[in-house]
PDB file of N, CA and C in Angstrom:
ATOM      1  N   UNK A   1      47.282  -7.525 -12.742  1.00  0.00           N
ATOM      2  CA  UNK A   1      48.347  -7.066 -14.359  1.00  0.00           C
ATOM      3  C   UNK A   1      48.272  -5.473 -14.534  1.00  0.00           C
ATOM      4  N   UNK A   2      47.687  -4.906 -14.268  1.00  0.00           N
ATOM      5  CA  UNK A   2      48.264  -3.868 -15.061  1.00  0.00           C
ATOM      6  C   UNK A   2      49.408  -2.979 -14.045  1.00  0.00           C
ATOM      7  N   UNK A   3      48.821  -2.649 -13.222  1.00  0.00           N
ATOM      8  CA  UNK A   3      49.646  -2.648 -12.408  1.00  0.00           C
ATOM      9  C   UNK A   3      51.443  -3.246 -12.040  1.00  0.00           C
ATOM     10  N   UNK A   4      51.445  -4.250 -13.116  1.00  0.00           N
ATOM     11  CA  UNK A   4      52.562  -4.704 -13.097  1.00  0.00           C
ATOM     12  C   UNK A   4      53.514  -4.106 -14.393  1.00  0.00           C
ATOM     13  N   UNK A   5      52.076  -3.569 -15.648  1.00  0.00           N
ATOM     14  CA  UNK A   5      52.328  -2.872 -16.479  1.00  0.00           C
ATOM     15  C   UNK A   5      52.790  -1.571 -16.854  1.00  0.00           C
ATOM     16  N   UNK A   6      52.716  -0.637 -15.425  1.00  0.00           N
ATOM     17  CA  UNK A   6      52.712   0.684 -15.201  1.00  0.00           C
ATOM     18  C   UNK A   6      54.442   0.886 -14.402  1.00  0.00           C
ATOM     19  N   UNK A   7      54.535   0.071 -13.809  1.00  0.00           N
ATOM     20  CA  UNK A   7      55.668  -0.668 -13.339  1.00  0.00           C
ATOM     21  C   UNK A   7      56.601  -0.994 -14.206  1.00  0.00           C
ATOM     22  N   UNK A   8      56.708  -1.700 -15.333  1.00  0.00           N
ATOM     23  CA  UNK A   8      57.364  -1.741 -16.268  1.00  0.00           C
ATOM     24  C   UNK A   8      57.650  -0.163 -17.118  1.00  0.00           C
ATOM     25  N   UNK A   9      56.671  -0.223 -17.280  1.00  0.00           N
ATOM     26  CA  UNK A   9      56.809   1.338 -18.111  1.00  0.00           C
ATOM     27  C   UNK A   9      57.572   2.277 -17.715  1.00  0.00           C
ATOM     28  N   UNK A  10      57.396   1.982 -15.832  1.00  0.00           N
ATOM     29  CA  UNK A  10      57.352   3.454 -15.626  1.00  0.00           C
ATOM     30  C   UNK A  10      59.302   3.439 -15.080  1.00  0.00           C
ATOM     31  N   UNK A  11      59.497   1.766 -15.339  1.00  0.00           N
ATOM     32  CA  UNK A  11      60.872   1.968 -14.979  1.00  0.00           C
ATOM     33  C   UNK A  11      61.618   2.103 -17.067  1.00  0.00           C
ATOM     34  N   UNK A  12      61.241   1.949 -17.301  1.00  0.00           N
ATOM     35  CA  UNK A  12      61.334   1.440 -19.001  1.00  0.00           C
ATOM     36  C   UNK A  12      61.624  -0.072 -19.671  1.00  0.00           C
ATOM     37  N   UNK A  13      61.170  -0.592 -19.242  1.00  0.00           N
ATOM     38  CA  UNK A  13      60.530  -1.713 -19.952  1.00  0.00           C
ATOM     39  C   UNK A  13      59.449  -1.495 -20.320  1.00  0.00           C
ATOM     40  N   UNK A  14      59.075  -2.041 -21.738  1.00  0.00           N
ATOM     41  CA  UNK A  14      57.419  -2.148 -22.642  1.00  0.00           C
ATOM     42  C   UNK A  14      57.538  -3.329 -21.812  1.00  0.00           C
ATOM     43  N   UNK A  15      57.933  -4.907 -21.688  1.00  0.00           N
ATOM     44  CA  UNK A  15      57.267  -5.569 -20.990  1.00  0.00           C
ATOM     45  C   UNK A  15      59.161  -6.665 -20.420  1.00  0.00           C
ATOM     46  N   UNK A  16      58.747  -7.631 -19.491  1.00  0.00           N
ATOM     47  CA  UNK A  16      59.979  -7.757 -18.568  1.00  0.00           C
ATOM     48  C   UNK A  16      60.831  -8.567 -19.821  1.00  0.00           C
ATOM     49  N   UNK A  17      60.285  -8.977 -20.865  1.00  0.00           N
ATOM     50  CA  UNK A  17      61.472  -9.834 -21.844  1.00  0.00           C
ATOM     51  C   UNK A  17      62.453  -8.019 -22.301  1.00  0.00           C
ATOM     52  N   UNK A  18      62.094  -7.241 -22.642  1.00  0.00           N
ATOM     53  CA  UNK A  18      62.158  -6.009 -23.721  1.00  0.00           C
ATOM     54  C   UNK A  18      62.966  -5.045 -22.936  1.00  0.00           C
ATOM     55  N   UNK A  19      63.610  -5.282 -22.286  1.00  0.00           N
ATOM     56  CA  UNK A  19      64.029  -4.147 -21.446  1.00  0.00           C
ATOM     57  C   UNK A  19      63.999  -2.771 -22.368  1.00  0.00           C
ATOM     58  N   UNK A  20      63.815  -1.585 -22.502  1.00  0.00           N
ATOM     59  CA  UNK A  20      63.887   0.181 -23.241  1.00  0.00           C
ATOM     60  C   UNK A  20      65.801   0.788 -22.981  1.00  0.00           C
ATOM     61  N   UNK A  21      66.282   1.044 -23.650  1.00  0.00           N
ATOM     62  CA  UNK A  21      67.208   1.585 -23.741  1.00  0.00           C
ATOM     63  C   UNK A  21      66.802   3.245 -22.572  1.00  0.00           C
ATOM     64  N   UNK A  22      66.658   3.013 -21.613  1.00  0.00           N
ATOM     65  CA  UNK A  22      66.909   4.549 -20.531  1.00  0.00           C
ATOM     66  C   UNK A  22      67.836   4.530 -19.592  1.00  0.00           C
ATOM     67  N   UNK A  23      68.695   5.637 -19.381  1.00  0.00           N
ATOM     68  CA  UNK A  23      69.751   5.843 -18.240  1.00  0.00           C
ATOM     69  C   UNK A  23      69.628   7.028 -17.694  1.00  0.00           C
ATOM     70  N   UNK A  24      69.947   6.876 -16.519  1.00  0.00           N
ATOM     71  CA  UNK A  24      70.310   8.550 -15.409  1.00  0.00           C
ATOM     72  C   UNK A  24      71.740   8.982 -15.721  1.00  0.00           C
ATOM     73  N   UNK A  25      72.289   9.760 -14.978  1.00  0.00           N
ATOM     74  CA  UNK A  25      73.131  10.233 -15.344  1.00  0.00           C
ATOM     75  C   UNK A  25      74.136  10.234 -13.457  1.00  0.00           C
ATOM     76  N   UNK A  26      74.987   9.898 -13.233  1.00  0.00           N
ATOM     77  CA  UNK A  26      75.222   9.627 -11.879  1.00  0.00           C
ATOM     78  C   UNK A  26      76.287  10.413 -12.095  1.00  0.00           C
ATOM     79  N   UNK A  27      76.806  12.056 -11.085  1.00  0.00           N
ATOM     80  CA  UNK A  27      77.457  11.948 -10.798  1.00  0.00           C
ATOM     81  C   UNK A  27      78.592  11.596  -9.526  1.00  0.00           C
ATOM     82  N   UNK A  28      80.473  11.379  -9.476  1.00  0.00           N
ATOM     83  CA  UNK A  28      81.360  10.907  -8.408  1.00  0.00           C
ATOM     84  C   UNK A  28      82.496  12.211  -8.665  1.00  0.00           C
ATOM     85  N   UNK A  29      82.616  12.118  -7.966  1.00  0.00           N
ATOM     86  CA  UNK A  29      84.134  12.956  -7.926  1.00  0.00           C
ATOM     87  C   UNK A  29      85.137  12.356  -8.696  1.00  0.00           C
ATOM     88  N   UNK A  30      85.500  13.841  -9.151  1.00  0.00           N
ATOM     89  CA  UNK A  30      86.870  13.058  -9.249  1.00  0.00           C
ATOM     90  C   UNK A  30      88.176  11.678  -8.674  1.00  0.00           C
ATOM     91  N   UNK A  31      87.953  11.999  -7.384  1.00  0.00           N
ATOM     92  CA  UNK A  31      89.167  11.376  -7.225  1.00  0.00           C
ATOM     93  C   UNK A  31      88.797  10.023  -7.262  1.00  0.00           C
ATOM     94  N   UNK A  32      86.877   9.654  -6.374  1.00  0.00           N
ATOM     95  CA  UNK A  32      86.401   8.641  -6.967  1.00  0.00           C
ATOM     96  C   UNK A  32      86.754   8.077  -8.295  1.00  0.00           C
ATOM     97  N   UNK A  33      87.038   8.146  -9.665  1.00  0.00           N
ATOM     98  CA  UNK A  33      86.735   8.073 -10.717  1.00  0.00           C
ATOM     99  C   UNK A  33      87.973   7.661 -11.131  1.00  0.00           C
ATOM    100  N   UNK A  34      88.775   7.889 -10.738  1.00  0.00           N
ATOM    101  CA  UNK A  34      89.797   8.054 -10.827  1.00  0.00           C
ATOM    102  C   UNK A  34      90.458   6.611  -9.928  1.00  0.00           C
ATOM    103  N   UNK A  35      89.746   6.637  -9.036  1.00  0.00           N
ATOM    104  CA  UNK A  35      90.253   5.711  -8.047  1.00  0.00           C
ATOM    105  C   UNK A  35      89.220   3.704  -8.941  1.00  0.00           C
ATOM    106  N   UNK A  36      88.697   3.974  -9.241  1.00  0.00           N
ATOM    107  CA  UNK A  36      87.389   3.132  -9.996  1.00  0.00           C
ATOM    108  C   UNK A  36      88.754   2.833 -11.267  1.00  0.00           C
ATOM    109  N   UNK A  37      89.362   3.917 -12.139  1.00  0.00           N
ATOM    110  CA  UNK A  37      89.985   4.315 -13.340  1.00  0.00           C
ATOM    111  C   UNK A  37      91.453   2.449 -13.488  1.00  0.00           C
ATOM    112  N   UNK A  38      92.043   3.292 -11.521  1.00  0.00           N
ATOM    113  CA  UNK A  38      92.900   2.335 -11.479  1.00  0.00           C
ATOM    114  C   UNK A  38      93.001   1.139 -10.825  1.00  0.00           C
ATOM    115  N   UNK A  39      91.838   0.824 -10.729  1.00  0.00           N
ATOM    116  CA  UNK A  39      91.203  -0.812 -10.294  1.00  0.00           C
ATOM    117  C   UNK A  39      91.320  -1.131 -11.900  1.00  0.00           C
ATOM    118  N   UNK A  40      90.655  -0.626 -12.202  1.00  0.00           N
ATOM    119  CA  UNK A  40      90.150  -1.550 -13.319  1.00  0.00           C
ATOM    120  C   UNK A  40      91.753  -1.595 -14.446  1.00  0.00           C
ATOM    121  N   UNK A  41      92.491  -0.590 -14.647  1.00  0.00           N
ATOM    122  CA  UNK A  41      93.985  -1.076 -14.526  1.00  0.00           C
ATOM    123  C   UNK A  41      94.774  -1.792 -14.331  1.00  0.00           C
ATOM    124  N   UNK A  42      94.387  -1.743 -12.919  1.00  0.00           N
ATOM    125  CA  UNK A  42      95.405  -3.082 -12.139  1.00  0.00           C
ATOM    126  C   UNK A  42      95.651  -4.579 -12.764  1.00  0.00           C
ATOM    127  N   UNK A  43      93.475  -4.517 -12.483  1.00  0.00           N
ATOM    128  CA  UNK A  43      93.098  -5.840 -12.793  1.00  0.00           C
ATOM    129  C   UNK A  43      91.843  -6.340 -13.379  1.00  0.00           C
ATOM    130  N   UNK A  44      92.457  -7.728 -13.947  1.00  0.00           N
ATOM    131  CA  UNK A  44      91.377  -8.059 -14.807  1.00  0.00           C
ATOM    132  C   UNK A  44      90.247  -8.397 -13.811  1.00  0.00           C
ATOM    133  N   UNK A  45      89.020  -7.350 -14.164  1.00  0.00           N
ATOM    134  CA  UNK A  45      88.440  -8.103 -13.361  1.00  0.00           C
ATOM    135  C   UNK A  45      86.935  -8.318 -14.459  1.00  0.00           C
ATOM    136  N   UNK A  46      86.874  -8.549 -15.929  1.00  0.00           N
ATOM    137  CA  UNK A  46      86.448  -8.831 -16.827  1.00  0.00           C
ATOM    138  C   UNK A  46      85.060  -7.075 -17.403  1.00  0.00           C
ATOM    139  N   UNK A  47      85.458  -5.939 -16.217  1.00  0.00           N
ATOM    140  CA  UNK A  47      84.907  -5.044 -16.855  1.00  0.00           C
ATOM    141  C   UNK A  47      85.309  -4.683 -18.204  1.00  0.00           C
ATOM    142  N   UNK A  48      84.562  -3.794 -18.898  1.00  0.00           N
ATOM    143  CA  UNK A  48      84.981  -2.696 -19.917  1.00  0.00           C
ATOM    144  C   UNK A  48      85.003  -1.069 -19.723  1.00  0.00           C
ATOM    145  N   UNK A  49      84.591  -0.563 -18.619  1.00  0.00           N
ATOM    146  CA  UNK A  49      84.115   0.698 -18.616  1.00  0.00           C
ATOM    147  C   UNK A  49      83.922   0.764 -17.060  1.00  0.00           C
ATOM    148  N   UNK A  50      83.830   1.899 -16.884  1.00  0.00           N
ATOM    149  CA  UNK A  50      83.636   2.255 -15.016  1.00  0.00           C
ATOM    150  C   UNK A  50      81.824   1.595 -15.237  1.00  0.00           C
ATOM    151  N   UNK A  51      80.948   2.415 -16.408  1.00  0.00           N
ATOM    152  CA  UNK A  51      79.713   2.358 -15.614  1.00  0.00           C
ATOM    153  C   UNK A  51      79.668   0.555 -15.404  1.00  0.00           C
ATOM    154  N   UNK A  52      79.932  -1.024 -16.453  1.00  0.00           N
ATOM    155  CA  UNK A  52      79.958  -1.792 -16.450  1.00  0.00           C
ATOM    156  C   UNK A  52      80.100  -1.857 -14.348  1.00  0.00           C
ATOM    157  N   UNK A  53      81.673  -1.725 -13.959  1.00  0.00           N
ATOM    158  CA  UNK A  53      81.519  -1.727 -12.409  1.00  0.00           C
ATOM    159  C   UNK A  53      80.695  -1.352 -11.790  1.00  0.00           C
ATOM    160  N   UNK A  54      80.125  -0.343 -12.062  1.00  0.00           N
ATOM    161  CA  UNK A  54      79.414   0.654 -10.975  1.00  0.00           C
ATOM    162  C   UNK A  54      78.151   0.293 -11.224  1.00  0.00           C
ATOM    163  N   UNK A  55      77.839  -0.186 -12.487  1.00  0.00           N
ATOM    164  CA  UNK A  55      76.122  -1.007 -12.446  1.00  0.00           C
ATOM    165  C   UNK A  55      76.593  -2.142 -11.530  1.00  0.00           C
ATOM    166  N   UNK A  56      77.786  -3.033 -11.930  1.00  0.00           N
ATOM    167  CA  UNK A  56      77.465  -4.222 -10.756  1.00  0.00           C
ATOM    168  C   UNK A  56      77.119  -3.936  -9.603  1.00  0.00           C
ATOM    169  N   UNK A  57      78.777  -3.438  -9.303  1.00  0.00           N
ATOM    170  CA  UNK A  57      78.966  -2.883  -7.444  1.00  0.00           C
ATOM    171  C   UNK A  57      77.241  -2.354  -7.193  1.00  0.00           C
ATOM    172  N   UNK A  58      76.400  -1.446  -7.828  1.00  0.00           N
ATOM    173  CA  UNK A  58      75.072  -0.819  -7.117  1.00  0.00           C
ATOM    174  C   UNK A  58      74.066  -2.426  -7.184  1.00  0.00           C
ATOM    175  N   UNK A  59      74.046  -3.065  -7.920  1.00  0.00           N
ATOM    176  CA  UNK A  59      73.451  -4.353  -8.338  1.00  0.00           C
ATOM    177  C   UNK A  59      73.779  -4.966  -7.023  1.00  0.00           C
ATOM    178  N   UNK A  60      75.195  -5.070  -6.391  1.00  0.00           N
ATOM    179  CA  UNK A  60      75.332  -5.936  -5.555  1.00  0.00           C
ATOM    180  C   UNK A  60      75.011  -5.618  -4.151  1.00  0.00           C
ATOM    181  N   UNK A  61      74.791  -3.831  -4.148  1.00  0.00           N
ATOM    182  CA  UNK A  61      74.510  -3.412  -2.674  1.00  0.00           C
ATOM    183  C   UNK A  61      72.865  -3.699  -2.768  1.00  0.00           C
ATOM    184  N   UNK A  62      72.801  -3.312  -3.407  1.00  0.00           N
ATOM    185  CA  UNK A  62      71.315  -3.211  -3.562  1.00  0.00           C
ATOM    186  C   UNK A  62      70.478  -4.476  -2.949  1.00  0.00           C
ATOM    187  N   UNK A  63      71.251  -5.817  -3.948  1.00  0.00           N
ATOM    188  CA  UNK A  63      70.784  -7.644  -2.919  1.00  0.00           C
ATOM    189  C   UNK A  63      71.336  -7.782  -1.732  1.00  0.00           C
ATOM    190  N   UNK A  64      72.455  -7.210  -1.454  1.00  0.00           N
ATOM    191  CA  UNK A  64      72.244  -7.232   0.155  1.00  0.00           C
ATOM    192  C   UNK A  64      71.674  -6.165   0.558  1.00  0.00           C
ATOM    193  N   UNK A  65      70.735  -4.895   0.045  1.00  0.00           N
ATOM    194  CA  UNK A  65      70.413  -5.066   1.609  1.00  0.00           C
ATOM    195  C   UNK A  65      68.555  -4.853   0.828  1.00  0.00           C
ATOM    196  N   UNK A  66      68.262  -5.492   0.165  1.00  0.00           N
ATOM    197  CA  UNK A  66      67.317  -5.589  -0.148  1.00  0.00           C
ATOM    198  C   UNK A  66      66.272  -6.423   1.298  1.00  0.00           C
ATOM    199  N   UNK A  67      65.458  -5.254   1.455  1.00  0.00           N
ATOM    200  CA  UNK A  67      64.175  -5.760   2.881  1.00  0.00           C
ATOM    201  C   UNK A  67      63.536  -6.734   2.252  1.00  0.00           C
ATOM    202  N   UNK A  68      62.973  -7.952   3.526  1.00  0.00           N
ATOM    203  CA  UNK A  68      61.749  -8.631   3.552  1.00  0.00           C
ATOM    204  C   UNK A  68      60.435  -8.137   3.219  1.00  0.00           C
ATOM    205  N   UNK A  69      59.946  -7.561   2.023  1.00  0.00           N
ATOM    206  CA  UNK A  69      58.796  -7.750   1.605  1.00  0.00           C
ATOM    207  C   UNK A  69      57.813  -8.090   2.209  1.00  0.00           C
ATOM    208  N   UNK A  70      57.255  -9.396   2.940  1.00  0.00           N
ATOM    209  CA  UNK A  70      56.733 -10.314   4.154  1.00  0.00           C
ATOM    210  C   UNK A  70      56.614  -8.974   5.506  1.00  0.00           C
ATOM    211  N   UNK A  71      57.533  -8.041   5.762  1.00  0.00           N
ATOM    212  CA  UNK A  71      57.484  -7.897   7.232  1.00  0.00           C
ATOM    213  C   UNK A  71      56.717  -5.988   7.032  1.00  0.00           C
TER     214      UNK A  71
END
């Protein structure tokens, strides 16, 4: 239980149900940001900002590349 608490505090959560607002800044090349903006303008994907699209893309990438912890 203590290890989980340390993990949650380290990663910006008081407990698993109460995330704290803590962010880091990621820099993208301007051309990549412009490509994201073009996609957001042309397609109705439901994203209201670049940040939402990028967060979703990173989550998808991490889920697809998650390693089996039992090995």
